Amino acid sequence: MKTIIAACSQNLSGSRASLPAALRTLPAVPWPSQRDVRAWLQLLAVLQWVLSFLLLGTVSLLLLIYLVFTSFWPISALYLAWVIFDWDTPEKGGRRLPCLRRWPVWRHFRDYFPVKLVKTHDLSPSHNYIIGSHPHGILCVGAFCNFITGSTGFAEMFPGIRPFLTTLAGNFRLPLFREYLMSGGLCPVTRRAIGYLLSKNGTGNAVAIVIGGAAESLSCRPGITTLILKNRKGFVRMALQHGAYLVPSFSFGENDLFRQVVFEEGSWMRSIQQRFQKMMGFAPCVFYGRGLTSVRSRGFLPYARPITTVVGEPVMVPKIEDPSHEMVDMYHEMYVRSLLKLFDENKTKYGLSETDELRIM
């Protein structure tokens, strides 16, 4: 800018210097590199996802309550009427929008970590499946990226299979957030919702369930893999009742995205977390990640750590309307063995050592 001003001054004073000459001498402005632009796009993609899951429902609810006391109260009234009319939709397959699954922002979201999907066996479209997703981690990044977005190539790897991901039923009671969840293919983790997808929605449905749930997130820490699975058998009973094959999947790296303050079993803080989890359905974890401006700062964004979700071999399950406890236990044991095999065969490929073990509680 100083060069341009100087050139103009010289022109006014009769100098022969011209503006084009001054522009040629203008120092080159250091533009951000393509790598820097990609890094910022990836960071913004993760930021919008985290804010959507943490704030969209609460902020929308508060906004609609506020509008009730203003001249815009009809907006709240109309939306409430819509929710009442649409109340059962989440438990009847939801309202998927393929365009949202193909949203370009999910590619930046995938590349931030990055997230990768690995297929070990085919899934036939002539069957339905329950995919067990492990571990829960803090925010289930691997399960969301692989089963809800199309960024990791699920549709190409498993042609004819429609993936769904279950989450807390209470999330579908929050305004606007429920629409956001349904549009991606999420459904409530209830018997009614899962039963609908496995019995009244044709074949080729794969319902992913994060089996450890909120209780498992309390034990989430890097270097230690603990699953809450020993007494979680409801998903096996559902599979038997509907003849859905059981498919184990494991997201290596999921527990490395955040740092959590883990309170020991028996401590008063752990007791408060467990009571809160039983009452509200989710656990109040004390965790931190990276900040928005620097990797070295602390914040609520996940660290950029690779996540590799490996989908294992299906466990074939017969259809039994009223399975016995012995039958449920037998197929639960078969599922656990298949999961352990999947973990042991892939752990050294994706960041773990040969001595690392999978703890099942």
Foldseek 3Di string as FASTA:
>chain_A
DVLQVVQVVCVVVVHPRDNVVSVVVPDDDDDDDPVVVLLLLLLVLLVVVVCLVPPVLVVQVVVLVVCCPDPNVVVSVVLVVVCVVCVCQLLQQFAAALVVLAPVSLLSPCVLLPEEEAEDDADDQQAEAEEAEDDCADPNSNCCSQQQHCNRPPCVRHPNAREAEEDAPVQCVGPPSVNVRRHRRYHHPDLSSVLNQLPVVGGRYYYYYNQQFQVSNLVQAPPAAEGAQPPRLPVLLSCQQRQHWYKYKYKPPSSQFKHWDHDDPPDPVVVVQVVCCVVPVHGDTHIWAADSPDRPHIHHGTHNHYIYMYIFDIHGHHHDNDDDPVNSVVVSVVNVVRNQVVCQVCVVVRPHDNPHHHHYD
